[in-house]
């Protein structure tokens, strides 16, 4: 039996790559990458020459069985995403589950995950929180927002820049204009920014300043 490694990669600053992550990627037989073009830049930077295969949300249903067979055959394989920890709003869950069911050892290395620094930077309670990832695009979105309006724990969302204004507008509508919110973007990068305030204030800020980069929204729970 081989072993499946889930290896976090930097969300921005390449200095956040761990020594152990580099070592594992150098030593495994194969690296599965969400986007081989993006990951090729990372591997070149750290002088990692391990062969890569593509493994992403559009093909993971078809490729998982074949990967499990390779693991059963004794190959050690690492899974990486474009940024952050695999399976956190990225491919990884299906392969992890299939590997465990096949009796294959799975190990996730500690490392970069965008929502952790965003949560800590927010200044909102972080002893209890719920990670929601991306809201549904259409079906079930209103239902989810109504549920979140009653959530008493701190809430964490991921959002893309072109949908941020829509989401902030809906947070004002469903959770109230005065609900405390923190929005972090471009974490660990040159133009990192965290904006804190009421939902209405945050919406006004990004109406005046077009958002760019990957975004994490942290929302105070209902009092």
C-alpha atoms as a PDB file:
ATOM      1  CA  UNK A   1       0.000   0.000   0.000  1.00  0.00           C
ATOM      2  CA  UNK A   2       1.116   3.523  -0.784  1.00  0.00           C
ATOM      3  CA  UNK A   3       0.117   6.641   1.101  1.00  0.00           C
ATOM      4  CA  UNK A   4      -1.926   9.694   0.164  1.00  0.00           C
ATOM      5  CA  UNK A   5      -0.601  13.049   1.343  1.00  0.00           C
ATOM      6  CA  UNK A   6      -2.754  16.191   1.357  1.00  0.00           C
ATOM      7  CA  UNK A   7      -0.260  19.038   1.099  1.00  0.00           C
ATOM      8  CA  UNK A   8      -1.223  22.699   1.705  1.00  0.00           C
ATOM      9  CA  UNK A   9       0.370  25.302  -0.548  1.00  0.00           C
ATOM     10  CA  UNK A  10       0.745  29.062   0.060  1.00  0.00           C
ATOM     11  CA  UNK A  11      -2.319  31.254  -0.451  1.00  0.00           C
ATOM     12  CA  UNK A  12      -0.063  34.071  -1.625  1.00  0.00           C
ATOM     13  CA  UNK A  13       3.356  34.502  -0.042  1.00  0.00           C
ATOM     14  CA  UNK A  14       5.638  31.646  -1.128  1.00  0.00           C
ATOM     15  CA  UNK A  15       7.539  31.921   2.169  1.00  0.00           C
ATOM     16  CA  UNK A  16       4.534  30.279   3.823  1.00  0.00           C
ATOM     17  CA  UNK A  17       5.467  26.937   2.216  1.00  0.00           C
ATOM     18  CA  UNK A  18       6.701  24.573   4.950  1.00  0.00           C
ATOM     19  CA  UNK A  19       9.952  22.614   4.845  1.00  0.00           C
ATOM     20  CA  UNK A  20       7.970  19.424   5.332  1.00  0.00           C
ATOM     21  CA  UNK A  21       5.643  20.184   2.408  1.00  0.00           C
ATOM     22  CA  UNK A  22       8.641  20.649   0.109  1.00  0.00           C
ATOM     23  CA  UNK A  23      10.182  17.408   1.341  1.00  0.00           C
ATOM     24  CA  UNK A  24       7.001  15.403   0.769  1.00  0.00           C
ATOM     25  CA  UNK A  25       6.490  16.824  -2.738  1.00  0.00           C
ATOM     26  CA  UNK A  26      10.084  15.953  -3.608  1.00  0.00           C
ATOM     27  CA  UNK A  27       9.793  12.375  -2.362  1.00  0.00           C
ATOM     28  CA  UNK A  28       6.371  11.166  -3.563  1.00  0.00           C
ATOM     29  CA  UNK A  29       5.934   9.261  -6.816  1.00  0.00           C
ATOM     30  CA  UNK A  30       3.244  11.595  -8.172  1.00  0.00           C
ATOM     31  CA  UNK A  31       1.688  14.982  -7.450  1.00  0.00           C
ATOM     32  CA  UNK A  32      -1.989  15.574  -8.219  1.00  0.00           C
ATOM     33  CA  UNK A  33      -2.570  19.261  -8.927  1.00  0.00           C
ATOM     34  CA  UNK A  34      -5.774  21.259  -9.348  1.00  0.00           C
ATOM     35  CA  UNK A  35      -4.156  23.253 -12.175  1.00  0.00           C
ATOM     36  CA  UNK A  36      -0.805  21.908 -13.373  1.00  0.00           C
ATOM     37  CA  UNK A  37       0.090  25.263 -14.940  1.00  0.00           C
ATOM     38  CA  UNK A  38      -0.353  27.115 -11.658  1.00  0.00           C
ATOM     39  CA  UNK A  39       1.405  24.419  -9.640  1.00  0.00           C
ATOM     40  CA  UNK A  40       4.303  24.206 -12.114  1.00  0.00           C
ATOM     41  CA  UNK A  41       5.374  27.712 -11.046  1.00  0.00           C
ATOM     42  CA  UNK A  42       5.379  26.653  -7.387  1.00  0.00           C
ATOM     43  CA  UNK A  43       7.322  23.457  -8.068  1.00  0.00           C
ATOM     44  CA  UNK A  44       9.911  25.285 -10.148  1.00  0.00           C
ATOM     45  CA  UNK A  45      10.413  27.833  -7.370  1.00  0.00           C
ATOM     46  CA  UNK A  46      11.224  25.079  -4.873  1.00  0.00           C
ATOM     47  CA  UNK A  47      13.129  22.943  -7.390  1.00  0.00           C
ATOM     48  CA  UNK A  48      10.662  20.063  -7.201  1.00  0.00           C
ATOM     49  CA  UNK A  49      10.797  17.829 -10.276  1.00  0.00           C
ATOM     50  CA  UNK A  50       8.150  15.241  -9.316  1.00  0.00           C
ATOM     51  CA  UNK A  51       5.743  14.365 -12.143  1.00  0.00           C
ATOM     52  CA  UNK A  52       2.275  15.967 -11.995  1.00  0.00           C
ATOM     53  CA  UNK A  53      -1.196  14.870 -13.090  1.00  0.00           C
ATOM     54  CA  UNK A  54      -4.301  17.051 -13.223  1.00  0.00           C
ATOM     55  CA  UNK A  55      -6.945  16.410 -10.545  1.00  0.00           C
ATOM     56  CA  UNK A  56      -9.757  18.983 -10.332  1.00  0.00           C
ATOM     57  CA  UNK A  57     -13.499  19.317  -9.740  1.00  0.00           C
ATOM     58  CA  UNK A  58     -14.329  18.508 -13.374  1.00  0.00           C
ATOM     59  CA  UNK A  59     -12.469  15.203 -13.550  1.00  0.00           C
ATOM     60  CA  UNK A  60     -12.144  13.906  -9.973  1.00  0.00           C
ATOM     61  CA  UNK A  61     -15.209  11.656 -10.297  1.00  0.00           C
ATOM     62  CA  UNK A  62     -13.544   9.894 -13.239  1.00  0.00           C
ATOM     63  CA  UNK A  63      -9.953   9.759 -11.980  1.00  0.00           C
ATOM     64  CA  UNK A  64     -10.413   8.823  -8.310  1.00  0.00           C
ATOM     65  CA  UNK A  65     -10.704   5.045  -8.858  1.00  0.00           C
ATOM     66  CA  UNK A  66      -7.548   4.952 -10.950  1.00  0.00           C
ATOM     67  CA  UNK A  67      -5.611   6.917  -8.333  1.00  0.00           C
ATOM     68  CA  UNK A  68      -6.775   4.571  -5.587  1.00  0.00           C
ATOM     69  CA  UNK A  69      -5.505   1.617  -7.636  1.00  0.00           C
ATOM     70  CA  UNK A  70      -2.108   3.291  -7.954  1.00  0.00           C
ATOM     71  CA  UNK A  71      -2.029   3.860  -4.190  1.00  0.00           C
ATOM     72  CA  UNK A  72      -2.933   0.197  -3.654  1.00  0.00           C
ATOM     73  CA  UNK A  73      -0.062  -0.682  -5.954  1.00  0.00           C
ATOM     74  CA  UNK A  74       2.407   0.974  -3.601  1.00  0.00           C
ATOM     75  CA  UNK A  75       2.778   4.489  -5.020  1.00  0.00           C
ATOM     76  CA  UNK A  76       2.938   7.441  -2.648  1.00  0.00           C
ATOM     77  CA  UNK A  77       0.870  10.315  -4.020  1.00  0.00           C
ATOM     78  CA  UNK A  78       0.478  13.948  -2.924  1.00  0.00           C
ATOM     79  CA  UNK A  79      -2.560  16.105  -3.625  1.00  0.00           C
ATOM     80  CA  UNK A  80      -2.242  19.895  -3.827  1.00  0.00           C
ATOM     81  CA  UNK A  81      -4.705  22.639  -4.771  1.00  0.00           C
ATOM     82  CA  UNK A  82      -3.945  25.984  -6.396  1.00  0.00           C
ATOM     83  CA  UNK A  83      -3.716  27.596  -2.954  1.00  0.00           C
ATOM     84  CA  UNK A  84      -4.374  26.539   0.614  1.00  0.00           C
ATOM     85  CA  UNK A  85      -5.336  23.144   1.999  1.00  0.00           C
ATOM     86  CA  UNK A  86      -6.855  20.529  -0.351  1.00  0.00           C
ATOM     87  CA  UNK A  87     -10.540  19.658   0.257  1.00  0.00           C
ATOM     88  CA  UNK A  88     -11.289  23.054   1.874  1.00  0.00           C
ATOM     89  CA  UNK A  89     -13.567  24.437  -0.869  1.00  0.00           C
ATOM     90  CA  UNK A  90     -11.235  22.616  -3.296  1.00  0.00           C
ATOM     91  CA  UNK A  91     -10.955  19.055  -4.681  1.00  0.00           C
ATOM     92  CA  UNK A  92      -9.812  16.431  -2.208  1.00  0.00           C
ATOM     93  CA  UNK A  93     -12.784  15.066  -0.302  1.00  0.00           C
ATOM     94  CA  UNK A  94     -13.741  12.381  -2.842  1.00  0.00           C
ATOM     95  CA  UNK A  95     -10.200  11.018  -3.097  1.00  0.00           C
ATOM     96  CA  UNK A  96      -9.682  11.131   0.664  1.00  0.00           C
ATOM     97  CA  UNK A  97     -12.921   9.224   1.305  1.00  0.00           C
ATOM     98  CA  UNK A  98     -12.182   6.629  -1.389  1.00  0.00           C
ATOM     99  CA  UNK A  99      -8.660   6.106  -0.057  1.00  0.00           C
ATOM    100  CA  UNK A 100      -9.870   5.606   3.516  1.00  0.00           C
ATOM    101  CA  UNK A 101     -12.526   3.151   2.332  1.00  0.00           C
ATOM    102  CA  UNK A 102      -9.796   1.213   0.493  1.00  0.00           C
ATOM    103  CA  UNK A 103      -7.686   0.990   3.638  1.00  0.00           C
ATOM    104  CA  UNK A 104      -5.039   3.418   2.356  1.00  0.00           C
ATOM    105  CA  UNK A 105      -3.220   5.629   4.848  1.00  0.00           C
ATOM    106  CA  UNK A 106      -4.044   9.334   4.458  1.00  0.00           C
ATOM    107  CA  UNK A 107      -2.057  12.173   6.013  1.00  0.00           C
ATOM    108  CA  UNK A 108      -2.877  15.879   5.818  1.00  0.00           C
ATOM    109  CA  UNK A 109       0.037  18.201   6.522  1.00  0.00           C
ATOM    110  CA  UNK A 110      -0.635  21.414   8.473  1.00  0.00           C
ATOM    111  CA  UNK A 111      -0.320  24.593   6.481  1.00  0.00           C
ATOM    112  CA  UNK A 112      -1.965  27.571   4.840  1.00  0.00           C
ATOM    113  CA  UNK A 113      -5.756  27.954   4.926  1.00  0.00           C
ATOM    114  CA  UNK A 114      -7.252  31.350   4.117  1.00  0.00           C
ATOM    115  CA  UNK A 115     -10.075  31.404   6.653  1.00  0.00           C
ATOM    116  CA  UNK A 116      -7.852  31.029   9.748  1.00  0.00           C
ATOM    117  CA  UNK A 117      -5.952  34.361   9.476  1.00  0.00           C
ATOM    118  CA  UNK A 118      -9.146  36.084   8.285  1.00  0.00           C
ATOM    119  CA  UNK A 119     -11.011  34.853  11.367  1.00  0.00           C
ATOM    120  CA  UNK A 120      -8.259  35.884  13.772  1.00  0.00           C
ATOM    121  CA  UNK A 121      -7.803  39.272  12.052  1.00  0.00           C
ATOM    122  CA  UNK A 122     -11.536  40.006  12.213  1.00  0.00           C
ATOM    123  CA  UNK A 123     -11.595  40.682  15.943  1.00  0.00           C
ATOM    124  CA  UNK A 124     -14.867  38.738  16.109  1.00  0.00           C
ATOM    125  CA  UNK A 125     -15.352  35.834  18.557  1.00  0.00           C
ATOM    126  CA  UNK A 126     -13.365  32.819  17.379  1.00  0.00           C
ATOM    127  CA  UNK A 127     -13.928  30.327  20.185  1.00  0.00           C
ATOM    128  CA  UNK A 128     -16.897  28.949  18.222  1.00  0.00           C
ATOM    129  CA  UNK A 129     -17.409  29.430  14.481  1.00  0.00           C
ATOM    130  CA  UNK A 130     -19.023  27.826  11.447  1.00  0.00           C
ATOM    131  CA  UNK A 131     -17.269  27.599   8.076  1.00  0.00           C
ATOM    132  CA  UNK A 132     -19.783  27.875   5.223  1.00  0.00           C
ATOM    133  CA  UNK A 133     -17.392  28.101   2.273  1.00  0.00           C
ATOM    134  CA  UNK A 134     -19.132  29.487  -0.827  1.00  0.00           C
ATOM    135  CA  UNK A 135     -22.867  30.187  -0.638  1.00  0.00           C
ATOM    136  CA  UNK A 136     -25.051  28.378  -3.208  1.00  0.00           C
ATOM    137  CA  UNK A 137     -25.081  30.360  -6.447  1.00  0.00           C
ATOM    138  CA  UNK A 138     -28.830  30.065  -7.085  1.00  0.00           C
ATOM    139  CA  UNK A 139     -30.780  27.098  -5.736  1.00  0.00           C
ATOM    140  CA  UNK A 140     -30.875  27.113  -1.948  1.00  0.00           C
ATOM    141  CA  UNK A 141     -29.148  30.478  -1.548  1.00  0.00           C
ATOM    142  CA  UNK A 142     -32.095  32.269   0.091  1.00  0.00           C
ATOM    143  CA  UNK A 143     -32.729  29.308   2.388  1.00  0.00           C
ATOM    144  CA  UNK A 144     -29.084  29.305   3.461  1.00  0.00           C
ATOM    145  CA  UNK A 145     -29.099  33.031   4.171  1.00  0.00           C
ATOM    146  CA  UNK A 146     -32.240  32.688   6.302  1.00  0.00           C
ATOM    147  CA  UNK A 147     -30.539  29.940   8.333  1.00  0.00           C
ATOM    148  CA  UNK A 148     -27.375  31.986   8.739  1.00  0.00           C
ATOM    149  CA  UNK A 149     -29.413  34.949   9.972  1.00  0.00           C
ATOM    150  CA  UNK A 150     -30.246  32.867  13.080  1.00  0.00           C
ATOM    151  CA  UNK A 151     -26.729  31.426  13.577  1.00  0.00           C
ATOM    152  CA  UNK A 152     -25.215  32.535  16.909  1.00  0.00           C
ATOM    153  CA  UNK A 153     -21.638  31.450  16.124  1.00  0.00           C
ATOM    154  CA  UNK A 154     -19.242  33.509  14.016  1.00  0.00           C
ATOM    155  CA  UNK A 155     -19.773  32.696  10.323  1.00  0.00           C
ATOM    156  CA  UNK A 156     -17.058  32.396   7.668  1.00  0.00           C
ATOM    157  CA  UNK A 157     -17.755  32.642   3.925  1.00  0.00           C
ATOM    158  CA  UNK A 158     -15.558  32.534   0.837  1.00  0.00           C
ATOM    159  CA  UNK A 159     -16.487  34.808  -2.063  1.00  0.00           C
ATOM    160  CA  UNK A 160     -15.169  35.835  -5.465  1.00  0.00           C
ATOM    161  CA  UNK A 161     -14.620  39.560  -6.185  1.00  0.00           C
ATOM    162  CA  UNK A 162     -17.303  39.791  -8.893  1.00  0.00           C
ATOM    163  CA  UNK A 163     -19.973  38.411  -6.520  1.00  0.00           C
ATOM    164  CA  UNK A 164     -18.944  40.275  -3.376  1.00  0.00           C
ATOM    165  CA  UNK A 165     -21.330  43.236  -3.755  1.00  0.00           C
ATOM    166  CA  UNK A 166     -24.285  40.919  -4.340  1.00  0.00           C
ATOM    167  CA  UNK A 167     -23.410  38.886  -1.265  1.00  0.00           C
ATOM    168  CA  UNK A 168     -22.853  41.937   0.937  1.00  0.00           C
ATOM    169  CA  UNK A 169     -26.181  43.375  -0.219  1.00  0.00           C
ATOM    170  CA  UNK A 170     -27.917  40.145   0.746  1.00  0.00           C
ATOM    171  CA  UNK A 171     -26.173  40.102   4.133  1.00  0.00           C
ATOM    172  CA  UNK A 172     -27.577  43.587   4.765  1.00  0.00           C
ATOM    173  CA  UNK A 173     -31.010  42.368   3.670  1.00  0.00           C
ATOM    174  CA  UNK A 174     -31.126  39.067   5.572  1.00  0.00           C
ATOM    175  CA  UNK A 175     -28.826  39.635   8.569  1.00  0.00           C
ATOM    176  CA  UNK A 176     -29.342  43.371   9.048  1.00  0.00           C
ATOM    177  CA  UNK A 177     -27.418  46.531   8.181  1.00  0.00           C
ATOM    178  CA  UNK A 178     -25.824  46.686  11.652  1.00  0.00           C
ATOM    179  CA  UNK A 179     -24.431  43.147  11.754  1.00  0.00           C
ATOM    180  CA  UNK A 180     -20.654  43.297  12.362  1.00  0.00           C
ATOM    181  CA  UNK A 181     -18.596  42.011   9.422  1.00  0.00           C
ATOM    182  CA  UNK A 182     -14.928  41.745   8.483  1.00  0.00           C
ATOM    183  CA  UNK A 183     -13.771  41.266   4.893  1.00  0.00           C
ATOM    184  CA  UNK A 184     -10.206  40.128   4.193  1.00  0.00           C
ATOM    185  CA  UNK A 185      -8.742  39.946   0.709  1.00  0.00           C
ATOM    186  CA  UNK A 186      -5.369  39.156  -0.850  1.00  0.00           C
ATOM    187  CA  UNK A 187      -4.231  37.522   2.400  1.00  0.00           C
ATOM    188  CA  UNK A 188      -0.422  37.215   2.710  1.00  0.00           C
ATOM    189  CA  UNK A 189       0.018  39.153  -0.566  1.00  0.00           C
ATOM    190  CA  UNK A 190       1.402  42.646  -1.197  1.00  0.00           C
ATOM    191  CA  UNK A 191      -2.013  44.359  -1.217  1.00  0.00           C
ATOM    192  CA  UNK A 192      -3.534  42.471   1.727  1.00  0.00           C
ATOM    193  CA  UNK A 193      -6.504  44.315   3.219  1.00  0.00           C
ATOM    194  CA  UNK A 194      -8.963  43.718   6.044  1.00  0.00           C
ATOM    195  CA  UNK A 195     -12.001  45.992   6.358  1.00  0.00           C
ATOM    196  CA  UNK A 196     -14.158  45.859   9.488  1.00  0.00           C
ATOM    197  CA  UNK A 197     -17.501  47.473  10.275  1.00  0.00           C
ATOM    198  CA  UNK A 198     -21.246  47.026   9.946  1.00  0.00           C
ATOM    199  CA  UNK A 199     -22.666  45.190   6.946  1.00  0.00           C
ATOM    200  CA  UNK A 200     -23.892  48.503   5.526  1.00  0.00           C
ATOM    201  CA  UNK A 201     -20.489  50.167   6.008  1.00  0.00           C
ATOM    202  CA  UNK A 202     -18.637  47.289   4.358  1.00  0.00           C
ATOM    203  CA  UNK A 203     -21.062  47.300   1.424  1.00  0.00           C
ATOM    204  CA  UNK A 204     -20.544  51.060   0.993  1.00  0.00           C
ATOM    205  CA  UNK A 205     -16.748  50.615   1.127  1.00  0.00           C
ATOM    206  CA  UNK A 206     -16.673  48.105  -1.707  1.00  0.00           C
ATOM    207  CA  UNK A 207     -19.228  50.046  -3.757  1.00  0.00           C
ATOM    208  CA  UNK A 208     -16.680  52.880  -3.730  1.00  0.00           C
ATOM    209  CA  UNK A 209     -13.664  50.598  -4.221  1.00  0.00           C
ATOM    210  CA  UNK A 210     -13.957  47.642  -6.614  1.00  0.00           C
ATOM    211  CA  UNK A 211     -12.860  44.452  -4.831  1.00  0.00           C
ATOM    212  CA  UNK A 212      -9.973  42.395  -6.189  1.00  0.00           C
ATOM    213  CA  UNK A 213      -8.413  39.080  -5.177  1.00  0.00           C
ATOM    214  CA  UNK A 214      -9.620  36.113  -3.168  1.00  0.00           C
ATOM    215  CA  UNK A 215     -12.014  37.149  -0.399  1.00  0.00           C
ATOM    216  CA  UNK A 216     -12.977  35.831   3.049  1.00  0.00           C
ATOM    217  CA  UNK A 217     -16.036  37.264   4.806  1.00  0.00           C
ATOM    218  CA  UNK A 218     -16.287  36.878   8.597  1.00  0.00           C
ATOM    219  CA  UNK A 219     -19.696  37.652  10.124  1.00  0.00           C
ATOM    220  CA  UNK A 220     -20.649  38.089  13.771  1.00  0.00           C
ATOM    221  CA  UNK A 221     -23.236  35.620  14.998  1.00  0.00           C
ATOM    222  CA  UNK A 222     -26.708  36.691  16.001  1.00  0.00           C
ATOM    223  CA  UNK A 223     -26.784  38.136  19.533  1.00  0.00           C
END
